[in-house]
Amino acid sequence: MFRTHSLIVVALAGLATAGVAQAAPHAPAAKLSMAQARAIALKAAPGKLISGEYENEGGGWRYSFDIQQRGHVQEIGVDANSGKIVENKSEGRVDRDAGKK
């Protein structure tokens, strides 16, 4: 009886662990630091930094920054490994991504 209960507990623990293991993958280490990417973004779009994050978008890892400029928010995406700007677009007068992340 004790052996049967032990097997059930082990099986349930395995199922619980399998669910956790399939959760979102861990972000790989970037060649650029957040500070380096931020400097690249601010050089491309001078202004006040509103937000920044390390994200997987479009099949690759990048840093994404929202920068308040005169009259609008500019979103700058910087490739986390090459430092190249992969996105540079206006989001209008306000940050449309705020609260979605």
PDB file of N, CA and C in Angstrom:
ATOM      1  N   MET A   1       0.828  -1.190   0.000  1.00  0.00           N
ATOM      2  CA  MET A   1       0.000   0.000   0.000  1.00  0.00           C
ATOM      3  C   MET A   1       0.874   1.256   0.000  1.00  0.00           C
ATOM      4  N   PHE A   2       1.889   1.272   0.856  1.00  0.00           N
ATOM      5  CA  PHE A   2       2.783   2.413   0.933  1.00  0.00           C
ATOM      6  C   PHE A   2       3.489   2.621  -0.413  1.00  0.00           C
ATOM      7  N   ARG A   3       3.881   1.535  -1.058  1.00  0.00           N
ATOM      8  CA  ARG A   3       4.572   1.606  -2.348  1.00  0.00           C
ATOM      9  C   ARG A   3       3.645   2.210  -3.417  1.00  0.00           C
ATOM     10  N   THR A   4       2.380   1.848  -3.421  1.00  0.00           N
ATOM     11  CA  THR A   4       1.429   2.375  -4.385  1.00  0.00           C
ATOM     12  C   THR A   4       1.254   3.878  -4.201  1.00  0.00           C
ATOM     13  N   HIS A   5       1.129   4.318  -2.960  1.00  0.00           N
ATOM     14  CA  HIS A   5       1.003   5.752  -2.693  1.00  0.00           C
ATOM     15  C   HIS A   5       2.263   6.493  -3.106  1.00  0.00           C
ATOM     16  N   SER A   6       3.420   5.901  -2.858  1.00  0.00           N
ATOM     17  CA  SER A   6       4.685   6.530  -3.239  1.00  0.00           C
ATOM     18  C   SER A   6       4.763   6.692  -4.745  1.00  0.00           C
ATOM     19  N   LEU A   7       4.340   5.672  -5.491  1.00  0.00           N
ATOM     20  CA  LEU A   7       4.373   5.757  -6.947  1.00  0.00           C
ATOM     21  C   LEU A   7       3.422   6.832  -7.461  1.00  0.00           C
ATOM     22  N   ILE A   8       2.270   6.951  -6.848  1.00  0.00           N
ATOM     23  CA  ILE A   8       1.315   7.975  -7.257  1.00  0.00           C
ATOM     24  C   ILE A   8       1.889   9.366  -6.989  1.00  0.00           C
ATOM     25  N   VAL A   9       2.497   9.564  -5.839  1.00  0.00           N
ATOM     26  CA  VAL A   9       3.092  10.849  -5.490  1.00  0.00           C
ATOM     27  C   VAL A   9       4.208  11.190  -6.473  1.00  0.00           C
ATOM     28  N   VAL A  10       5.062  10.216  -6.781  1.00  0.00           N
ATOM     29  CA  VAL A  10       6.156  10.446  -7.727  1.00  0.00           C
ATOM     30  C   VAL A  10       5.596  10.786  -9.111  1.00  0.00           C
ATOM     31  N   ALA A  11       4.564  10.080  -9.549  1.00  0.00           N
ATOM     32  CA  ALA A  11       3.961  10.339 -10.857  1.00  0.00           C
ATOM     33  C   ALA A  11       3.357  11.742 -10.905  1.00  0.00           C
ATOM     34  N   LEU A  12       2.652  12.135  -9.863  1.00  0.00           N
ATOM     35  CA  LEU A  12       2.063  13.474  -9.824  1.00  0.00           C
ATOM     36  C   LEU A  12       3.141  14.556  -9.795  1.00  0.00           C
ATOM     37  N   ALA A  13       4.194  14.319  -9.049  1.00  0.00           N
ATOM     38  CA  ALA A  13       5.297  15.282  -9.001  1.00  0.00           C
ATOM     39  C   ALA A  13       5.938  15.412 -10.378  1.00  0.00           C
ATOM     40  N   GLY A  14       6.058  14.303 -11.080  1.00  0.00           N
ATOM     41  CA  GLY A  14       6.614  14.339 -12.432  1.00  0.00           C
ATOM     42  C   GLY A  14       5.743  15.145 -13.377  1.00  0.00           C
ATOM     43  N   LEU A  15       4.430  14.995 -13.270  1.00  0.00           N
ATOM     44  CA  LEU A  15       3.522  15.763 -14.112  1.00  0.00           C
ATOM     45  C   LEU A  15       3.598  17.251 -13.797  1.00  0.00           C
ATOM     46  N   ALA A  16       3.681  17.580 -12.537  1.00  0.00           N
ATOM     47  CA  ALA A  16       3.778  18.986 -12.140  1.00  0.00           C
ATOM     48  C   ALA A  16       5.076  19.591 -12.654  1.00  0.00           C
ATOM     49  N   THR A  17       6.164  18.849 -12.549  1.00  0.00           N
ATOM     50  CA  THR A  17       7.454  19.340 -13.014  1.00  0.00           C
ATOM     51  C   THR A  17       7.459  19.489 -14.529  1.00  0.00           C
ATOM     52  N   ALA A  18       6.830  18.563 -15.232  1.00  0.00           N
ATOM     53  CA  ALA A  18       6.780  18.643 -16.692  1.00  0.00           C
ATOM     54  C   ALA A  18       6.073  19.915 -17.129  1.00  0.00           C
ATOM     55  N   GLY A  19       5.029  20.311 -16.427  1.00  0.00           N
ATOM     56  CA  GLY A  19       4.331  21.551 -16.759  1.00  0.00           C
ATOM     57  C   GLY A  19       5.210  22.764 -16.564  1.00  0.00           C
ATOM     58  N   VAL A  20       5.999  22.759 -15.521  1.00  0.00           N
ATOM     59  CA  VAL A  20       6.900  23.873 -15.254  1.00  0.00           C
ATOM     60  C   VAL A  20       8.003  23.914 -16.296  1.00  0.00           C
ATOM     61  N   ALA A  21       8.527  22.761 -16.676  1.00  0.00           N
ATOM     62  CA  ALA A  21       9.619  22.705 -17.631  1.00  0.00           C
ATOM     63  C   ALA A  21       9.202  23.229 -19.001  1.00  0.00           C
ATOM     64  N   GLN A  22       7.922  23.184 -19.312  1.00  0.00           N
ATOM     65  CA  GLN A  22       7.454  23.633 -20.610  1.00  0.00           C
ATOM     66  C   GLN A  22       7.060  25.109 -20.601  1.00  0.00           C
ATOM     67  N   ALA A  23       7.275  25.771 -19.505  1.00  0.00           N
ATOM     68  CA  ALA A  23       6.956  27.195 -19.427  1.00  0.00           C
ATOM     69  C   ALA A  23       7.885  27.973 -20.354  1.00  0.00           C
ATOM     70  N   ALA A  24       7.737  29.286 -20.404  1.00  0.00           N
ATOM     71  CA  ALA A  24       8.519  30.134 -21.299  1.00  0.00           C
ATOM     72  C   ALA A  24      10.011  29.857 -21.172  1.00  0.00           C
ATOM     73  N   PRO A  25      10.710  29.800 -22.300  1.00  0.00           N
ATOM     74  CA  PRO A  25      12.145  29.519 -22.264  1.00  0.00           C
ATOM     75  C   PRO A  25      12.900  30.686 -21.625  1.00  0.00           C
ATOM     76  N   HIS A  26      14.042  30.363 -21.081  1.00  0.00           N
ATOM     77  CA  HIS A  26      14.875  31.394 -20.462  1.00  0.00           C
ATOM     78  C   HIS A  26      15.529  32.239 -21.550  1.00  0.00           C
ATOM     79  N   ALA A  27      15.670  33.495 -21.284  1.00  0.00           N
ATOM     80  CA  ALA A  27      16.308  34.388 -22.238  1.00  0.00           C
ATOM     81  C   ALA A  27      17.806  34.088 -22.298  1.00  0.00           C
ATOM     82  N   PRO A  28      18.355  33.988 -23.496  1.00  0.00           N
ATOM     83  CA  PRO A  28      19.794  33.744 -23.618  1.00  0.00           C
ATOM     84  C   PRO A  28      20.574  34.998 -23.249  1.00  0.00           C
ATOM     85  N   ALA A  29      21.812  34.814 -22.890  1.00  0.00           N
ATOM     86  CA  ALA A  29      22.673  35.946 -22.560  1.00  0.00           C
ATOM     87  C   ALA A  29      22.917  36.771 -23.818  1.00  0.00           C
ATOM     88  N   ALA A  30      22.881  38.067 -23.675  1.00  0.00           N
ATOM     89  CA  ALA A  30      23.113  38.975 -24.798  1.00  0.00           C
ATOM     90  C   ALA A  30      24.571  39.400 -24.825  1.00  0.00           C
ATOM     91  N   LYS A  31      25.077  39.707 -26.005  1.00  0.00           N
ATOM     92  CA  LYS A  31      26.449  40.209 -26.119  1.00  0.00           C
ATOM     93  C   LYS A  31      26.529  41.652 -25.631  1.00  0.00           C
ATOM     94  N   LEU A  32      25.455  42.412 -25.831  1.00  0.00           N
ATOM     95  CA  LEU A  32      25.403  43.797 -25.372  1.00  0.00           C
ATOM     96  C   LEU A  32      24.712  43.860 -24.019  1.00  0.00           C
ATOM     97  N   SER A  33      25.139  44.779 -23.192  1.00  0.00           N
ATOM     98  CA  SER A  33      24.442  45.012 -21.928  1.00  0.00           C
ATOM     99  C   SER A  33      23.272  45.958 -22.189  1.00  0.00           C
ATOM    100  N   MET A  34      22.369  46.016 -21.250  1.00  0.00           N
ATOM    101  CA  MET A  34      21.233  46.942 -21.352  1.00  0.00           C
ATOM    102  C   MET A  34      21.751  48.380 -21.480  1.00  0.00           C
ATOM    103  N   ALA A  35      22.795  48.728 -20.735  1.00  0.00           N
ATOM    104  CA  ALA A  35      23.342  50.090 -20.775  1.00  0.00           C
ATOM    105  C   ALA A  35      23.918  50.413 -22.153  1.00  0.00           C
ATOM    106  N   GLN A  36      24.609  49.463 -22.770  1.00  0.00           N
ATOM    107  CA  GLN A  36      25.158  49.686 -24.113  1.00  0.00           C
ATOM    108  C   GLN A  36      24.042  49.880 -25.127  1.00  0.00           C
ATOM    109  N   ALA A  37      23.019  49.038 -25.054  1.00  0.00           N
ATOM    110  CA  ALA A  37      21.896  49.143 -25.983  1.00  0.00           C
ATOM    111  C   ALA A  37      21.138  50.450 -25.767  1.00  0.00           C
ATOM    112  N   ARG A  38      20.999  50.868 -24.513  1.00  0.00           N
ATOM    113  CA  ARG A  38      20.313  52.128 -24.209  1.00  0.00           C
ATOM    114  C   ARG A  38      21.063  53.302 -24.840  1.00  0.00           C
ATOM    115  N   ALA A  39      22.393  53.299 -24.759  1.00  0.00           N
ATOM    116  CA  ALA A  39      23.191  54.371 -25.353  1.00  0.00           C
ATOM    117  C   ALA A  39      22.992  54.420 -26.871  1.00  0.00           C
ATOM    118  N   ILE A  40      22.929  53.254 -27.510  1.00  0.00           N
ATOM    119  CA  ILE A  40      22.685  53.187 -28.957  1.00  0.00           C
ATOM    120  C   ILE A  40      21.307  53.763 -29.282  1.00  0.00           C
ATOM    121  N   ALA A  41      20.299  53.384 -28.503  1.00  0.00           N
ATOM    122  CA  ALA A  41      18.933  53.857 -28.735  1.00  0.00           C
ATOM    123  C   ALA A  41      18.823  55.368 -28.549  1.00  0.00           C
ATOM    124  N   LEU A  42      19.438  55.888 -27.504  1.00  0.00           N
ATOM    125  CA  LEU A  42      19.357  57.326 -27.238  1.00  0.00           C
ATOM    126  C   LEU A  42      20.142  58.137 -28.259  1.00  0.00           C
ATOM    127  N   LYS A  43      21.163  57.543 -28.854  1.00  0.00           N
ATOM    128  CA  LYS A  43      21.894  58.223 -29.923  1.00  0.00           C
ATOM    129  C   LYS A  43      21.007  58.319 -31.170  1.00  0.00           C
ATOM    130  N   ALA A  44      20.236  57.264 -31.434  1.00  0.00           N
ATOM    131  CA  ALA A  44      19.341  57.247 -32.594  1.00  0.00           C
ATOM    132  C   ALA A  44      18.127  58.143 -32.393  1.00  0.00           C
ATOM    133  N   ALA A  45      17.662  58.236 -31.151  1.00  0.00           N
ATOM    134  CA  ALA A  45      16.463  59.022 -30.844  1.00  0.00           C
ATOM    135  C   ALA A  45      16.661  59.731 -29.509  1.00  0.00           C
ATOM    136  N   PRO A  46      17.345  60.874 -29.519  1.00  0.00           N
ATOM    137  CA  PRO A  46      17.574  61.596 -28.265  1.00  0.00           C
ATOM    138  C   PRO A  46      16.254  61.977 -27.594  1.00  0.00           C
ATOM    139  N   GLY A  47      16.222  61.850 -26.287  1.00  0.00           N
ATOM    140  CA  GLY A  47      15.031  62.194 -25.524  1.00  0.00           C
ATOM    141  C   GLY A  47      15.096  61.598 -24.133  1.00  0.00           C
ATOM    142  N   LYS A  48      13.936  61.483 -23.494  1.00  0.00           N
ATOM    143  CA  LYS A  48      13.837  60.940 -22.149  1.00  0.00           C
ATOM    144  C   LYS A  48      13.381  59.483 -22.225  1.00  0.00           C
ATOM    145  N   LEU A  49      14.180  58.592 -21.660  1.00  0.00           N
ATOM    146  CA  LEU A  49      13.843  57.172 -21.667  1.00  0.00           C
ATOM    147  C   LEU A  49      12.627  56.916 -20.784  1.00  0.00           C
ATOM    148  N   ILE A  50      11.602  56.295 -21.364  1.00  0.00           N
ATOM    149  CA  ILE A  50      10.389  55.956 -20.618  1.00  0.00           C
ATOM    150  C   ILE A  50      10.471  54.536 -20.090  1.00  0.00           C
ATOM    151  N   SER A  51      10.884  53.612 -20.976  1.00  0.00           N
ATOM    152  CA  SER A  51      10.958  52.210 -20.569  1.00  0.00           C
ATOM    153  C   SER A  51      11.939  51.460 -21.462  1.00  0.00           C
ATOM    154  N   GLY A  52      12.389  50.319 -20.944  1.00  0.00           N
ATOM    155  CA  GLY A  52      13.284  49.462 -21.700  1.00  0.00           C
ATOM    156  C   GLY A  52      13.119  48.027 -21.253  1.00  0.00           C
ATOM    157  N   GLU A  53      13.258  47.097 -22.199  1.00  0.00           N
ATOM    158  CA  GLU A  53      13.139  45.686 -21.852  1.00  0.00           C
ATOM    159  C   GLU A  53      13.951  44.837 -22.813  1.00  0.00           C
ATOM    160  N   TYR A  54      14.249  43.622 -22.389  1.00  0.00           N
ATOM    161  CA  TYR A  54      14.925  42.608 -23.192  1.00  0.00           C
ATOM    162  C   TYR A  54      13.845  41.624 -23.590  1.00  0.00           C
ATOM    163  N   GLU A  55      13.619  41.479 -24.905  1.00  0.00           N
ATOM    164  CA  GLU A  55      12.489  40.676 -25.351  1.00  0.00           C
ATOM    165  C   GLU A  55      12.824  39.861 -26.594  1.00  0.00           C
ATOM    166  N   ASN A  56      12.038  38.820 -26.804  1.00  0.00           N
ATOM    167  CA  ASN A  56      12.146  38.006 -28.009  1.00  0.00           C
ATOM    168  C   ASN A  56      11.046  38.453 -28.949  1.00  0.00           C
ATOM    169  N   GLU A  57      11.445  39.081 -30.035  1.00  0.00           N
ATOM    170  CA  GLU A  57      10.451  39.566 -30.994  1.00  0.00           C
ATOM    171  C   GLU A  57      10.976  39.355 -32.406  1.00  0.00           C
ATOM    172  N   GLY A  58      10.115  38.864 -33.269  1.00  0.00           N
ATOM    173  CA  GLY A  58      10.504  38.653 -34.653  1.00  0.00           C
ATOM    174  C   GLY A  58      11.536  37.546 -34.819  1.00  0.00           C
ATOM    175  N   GLY A  59      11.564  36.600 -33.894  1.00  0.00           N
ATOM    176  CA  GLY A  59      12.485  35.483 -33.998  1.00  0.00           C
ATOM    177  C   GLY A  59      13.871  35.743 -33.442  1.00  0.00           C
ATOM    178  N   GLY A  60      14.079  36.901 -32.831  1.00  0.00           N
ATOM    179  CA  GLY A  60      15.393  37.200 -32.259  1.00  0.00           C
ATOM    180  C   GLY A  60      15.273  38.003 -30.981  1.00  0.00           C
ATOM    181  N   TRP A  61      16.329  37.992 -30.199  1.00  0.00           N
ATOM    182  CA  TRP A  61      16.347  38.727 -28.931  1.00  0.00           C
ATOM    183  C   TRP A  61      16.859  40.133 -29.170  1.00  0.00           C
ATOM    184  N   ARG A  62      16.179  41.069 -28.530  1.00  0.00           N
ATOM    185  CA  ARG A  62      16.535  42.471 -28.686  1.00  0.00           C
ATOM    186  C   ARG A  62      16.169  43.259 -27.435  1.00  0.00           C
ATOM    187  N   TYR A  63      16.731  44.450 -27.364  1.00  0.00           N
ATOM    188  CA  TYR A  63      16.322  45.411 -26.352  1.00  0.00           C
ATOM    189  C   TYR A  63      15.337  46.356 -27.029  1.00  0.00           C
ATOM    190  N   SER A  64      14.285  46.708 -26.345  1.00  0.00           N
ATOM    191  CA  SER A  64      13.292  47.628 -26.873  1.00  0.00           C
ATOM    192  C   SER A  64      13.163  48.798 -25.902  1.00  0.00           C
ATOM    193  N   PHE A  65      13.236  50.005 -26.443  1.00  0.00           N
ATOM    194  CA  PHE A  65      13.164  51.213 -25.614  1.00  0.00           C
ATOM    195  C   PHE A  65      12.085  52.147 -26.139  1.00  0.00           C
ATOM    196  N   ASP A  66      11.330  52.726 -25.229  1.00  0.00           N
ATOM    197  CA  ASP A  66      10.386  53.788 -25.560  1.00  0.00           C
ATOM    198  C   ASP A  66      11.006  55.084 -25.062  1.00  0.00           C
ATOM    199  N   ILE A  67      11.148  56.040 -25.980  1.00  0.00           N
ATOM    200  CA  ILE A  67      11.820  57.301 -25.672  1.00  0.00           C
ATOM    201  C   ILE A  67      10.870  58.450 -25.962  1.00  0.00           C
ATOM    202  N   GLN A  68      10.641  59.279 -24.950  1.00  0.00           N
ATOM    203  CA  GLN A  68       9.787  60.459 -25.110  1.00  0.00           C
ATOM    204  C   GLN A  68      10.595  61.535 -25.815  1.00  0.00           C
ATOM    205  N   GLN A  69      10.100  61.924 -26.974  1.00  0.00           N
ATOM    206  CA  GLN A  69      10.699  63.030 -27.700  1.00  0.00           C
ATOM    207  C   GLN A  69       9.675  64.154 -27.754  1.00  0.00           C
ATOM    208  N   ARG A  70      10.029  65.244 -28.343  1.00  0.00           N
ATOM    209  CA  ARG A  70       9.134  66.386 -28.420  1.00  0.00           C
ATOM    210  C   ARG A  70       7.853  66.006 -29.176  1.00  0.00           C
ATOM    211  N   GLY A  71       6.753  65.866 -28.448  1.00  0.00           N
ATOM    212  CA  GLY A  71       5.469  65.620 -29.060  1.00  0.00           C
ATOM    213  C   GLY A  71       5.119  64.170 -29.371  1.00  0.00           C
ATOM    214  N   HIS A  72       6.049  63.229 -29.189  1.00  0.00           N
ATOM    215  CA  HIS A  72       5.721  61.830 -29.477  1.00  0.00           C
ATOM    216  C   HIS A  72       6.683  60.880 -28.757  1.00  0.00           C
ATOM    217  N   VAL A  73       6.292  59.608 -28.771  1.00  0.00           N
ATOM    218  CA  VAL A  73       7.121  58.544 -28.194  1.00  0.00           C
ATOM    219  C   VAL A  73       7.710  57.746 -29.352  1.00  0.00           C
ATOM    220  N   GLN A  74       9.010  57.557 -29.317  1.00  0.00           N
ATOM    221  CA  GLN A  74       9.715  56.795 -30.348  1.00  0.00           C
ATOM    222  C   GLN A  74      10.111  55.440 -29.768  1.00  0.00           C
ATOM    223  N   GLU A  75       9.798  54.364 -30.495  1.00  0.00           N
ATOM    224  CA  GLU A  75      10.227  53.027 -30.065  1.00  0.00           C
ATOM    225  C   GLU A  75      11.453  52.638 -30.863  1.00  0.00           C
ATOM    226  N   ILE A  76      12.518  52.279 -30.144  1.00  0.00           N
ATOM    227  CA  ILE A  76      13.771  51.867 -30.763  1.00  0.00           C
ATOM    228  C   ILE A  76      14.068  50.443 -30.329  1.00  0.00           C
ATOM    229  N   GLY A  77      14.299  49.560 -31.299  1.00  0.00           N
ATOM    230  CA  GLY A  77      14.697  48.187 -31.022  1.00  0.00           C
ATOM    231  C   GLY A  77      16.151  48.016 -31.399  1.00  0.00           C
ATOM    232  N   VAL A  78      16.948  47.451 -30.483  1.00  0.00           N
ATOM    233  CA  VAL A  78      18.377  47.241 -30.706  1.00  0.00           C
ATOM    234  C   VAL A  78      18.669  45.750 -30.603  1.00  0.00           C
ATOM    235  N   ASP A  79      19.245  45.165 -31.665  1.00  0.00           N
ATOM    236  CA  ASP A  79      19.609  43.752 -31.647  1.00  0.00           C
ATOM    237  C   ASP A  79      20.570  43.506 -30.487  1.00  0.00           C
ATOM    238  N   ALA A  80      20.275  42.502 -29.666  1.00  0.00           N
ATOM    239  CA  ALA A  80      21.031  42.250 -28.439  1.00  0.00           C
ATOM    240  C   ALA A  80      22.433  41.712 -28.700  1.00  0.00           C
ATOM    241  N   ASN A  81      22.695  41.224 -29.898  1.00  0.00           N
ATOM    242  CA  ASN A  81      24.021  40.677 -30.196  1.00  0.00           C
ATOM    243  C   ASN A  81      24.852  41.563 -31.114  1.00  0.00           C
ATOM    244  N   SER A  82      24.214  42.193 -32.089  1.00  0.00           N
ATOM    245  CA  SER A  82      24.981  42.993 -33.047  1.00  0.00           C
ATOM    246  C   SER A  82      24.991  44.483 -32.707  1.00  0.00           C
ATOM    247  N   GLY A  83      23.997  44.947 -31.953  1.00  0.00           N
ATOM    248  CA  GLY A  83      23.894  46.366 -31.647  1.00  0.00           C
ATOM    249  C   GLY A  83      23.229  47.169 -32.757  1.00  0.00           C
ATOM    250  N   LYS A  84      22.775  46.488 -33.804  1.00  0.00           N
ATOM    251  CA  LYS A  84      22.104  47.185 -34.904  1.00  0.00           C
ATOM    252  C   LYS A  84      20.684  47.565 -34.502  1.00  0.00           C
ATOM    253  N   ILE A  85      20.236  48.690 -35.028  1.00  0.00           N
ATOM    254  CA  ILE A  85      18.860  49.118 -34.777  1.00  0.00           C
ATOM    255  C   ILE A  85      17.949  48.310 -35.694  1.00  0.00           C
ATOM    256  N   VAL A  86      17.017  47.584 -35.081  1.00  0.00           N
ATOM    257  CA  VAL A  86      16.108  46.732 -35.846  1.00  0.00           C
ATOM    258  C   VAL A  86      14.688  47.301 -35.897  1.00  0.00           C
ATOM    259  N   GLU A  87      14.448  48.352 -35.130  1.00  0.00           N
ATOM    260  CA  GLU A  87      13.153  49.035 -35.176  1.00  0.00           C
ATOM    261  C   GLU A  87      13.347  50.482 -34.773  1.00  0.00           C
ATOM    262  N   ASN A  88      12.680  51.370 -35.490  1.00  0.00           N
ATOM    263  CA  ASN A  88      12.733  52.792 -35.183  1.00  0.00           C
ATOM    264  C   ASN A  88      11.417  53.379 -35.681  1.00  0.00           C
ATOM    265  N   LYS A  89      10.434  53.448 -34.778  1.00  0.00           N
ATOM    266  CA  LYS A  89       9.114  53.917 -35.204  1.00  0.00           C
ATOM    267  C   LYS A  89       8.484  54.812 -34.147  1.00  0.00           C
ATOM    268  N   SER A  90       7.657  55.709 -34.625  1.00  0.00           N
ATOM    269  CA  SER A  90       6.915  56.586 -33.731  1.00  0.00           C
ATOM    270  C   SER A  90       5.671  55.854 -33.245  1.00  0.00           C
ATOM    271  N   GLU A  91       5.396  55.992 -31.964  1.00  0.00           N
ATOM    272  CA  GLU A  91       4.181  55.407 -31.393  1.00  0.00           C
ATOM    273  C   GLU A  91       3.115  56.467 -31.175  1.00  0.00           C
ATOM    274  N   GLY A  92       3.339  57.647 -31.681  1.00  0.00           N
ATOM    275  CA  GLY A  92       2.370  58.727 -31.517  1.00  0.00           C
ATOM    276  C   GLY A  92       2.653  59.556 -30.273  1.00  0.00           C
ATOM    277  N   ARG A  93       1.636  60.266 -29.837  1.00  0.00           N
ATOM    278  CA  ARG A  93       1.810  61.179 -28.696  1.00  0.00           C
ATOM    279  C   ARG A  93       2.012  60.466 -27.365  1.00  0.00           C
ATOM    280  N   VAL A  94       1.477  59.245 -27.247  1.00  0.00           N
ATOM    281  CA  VAL A  94       1.589  58.508 -25.996  1.00  0.00           C
ATOM    282  C   VAL A  94       2.157  57.133 -26.271  1.00  0.00           C
ATOM    283  N   ASP A  95       2.669  56.495 -25.227  1.00  0.00           N
ATOM    284  CA  ASP A  95       3.225  55.133 -25.324  1.00  0.00           C
ATOM    285  C   ASP A  95       2.075  54.143 -25.406  1.00  0.00           C
ATOM    286  N   ARG A  96       1.818  53.613 -26.577  1.00  0.00           N
ATOM    287  CA  ARG A  96       0.702  52.671 -26.767  1.00  0.00           C
ATOM    288  C   ARG A  96       0.971  51.302 -26.160  1.00  0.00           C
ATOM    289  N   ASP A  97       2.245  50.996 -25.906  1.00  0.00           N
ATOM    290  CA  ASP A  97       2.582  49.698 -25.323  1.00  0.00           C
ATOM    291  C   ASP A  97       2.515  49.706 -23.800  1.00  0.00           C
ATOM    292  N   ALA A  98       2.370  50.864 -23.208  1.00  0.00           N
ATOM    293  CA  ALA A  98       2.368  50.959 -21.746  1.00  0.00           C
ATOM    294  C   ALA A  98       1.255  50.080 -21.157  1.00  0.00           C
ATOM    295  N   GLY A  99       1.617  49.265 -20.195  1.00  0.00           N
ATOM    296  CA  GLY A  99       0.659  48.417 -19.516  1.00  0.00           C
ATOM    297  C   GLY A  99       0.407  47.082 -20.202  1.00  0.00           C
ATOM    298  N   LYS A 100       0.903  46.888 -21.417  1.00  0.00           N
ATOM    299  CA  LYS A 100       0.710  45.627 -22.129  1.00  0.00           C
ATOM    300  C   LYS A 100       1.765  44.601 -21.776  1.00  0.00           C
ATOM    301  N   LYS A 101       2.874  45.024 -21.206  1.00  0.00           N
ATOM    302  CA  LYS A 101       4.005  44.123 -20.966  1.00  0.00           C
ATOM    303  C   LYS A 101       4.042  43.637 -19.561  1.00  0.00           C
TER     304      LYS A 101
END
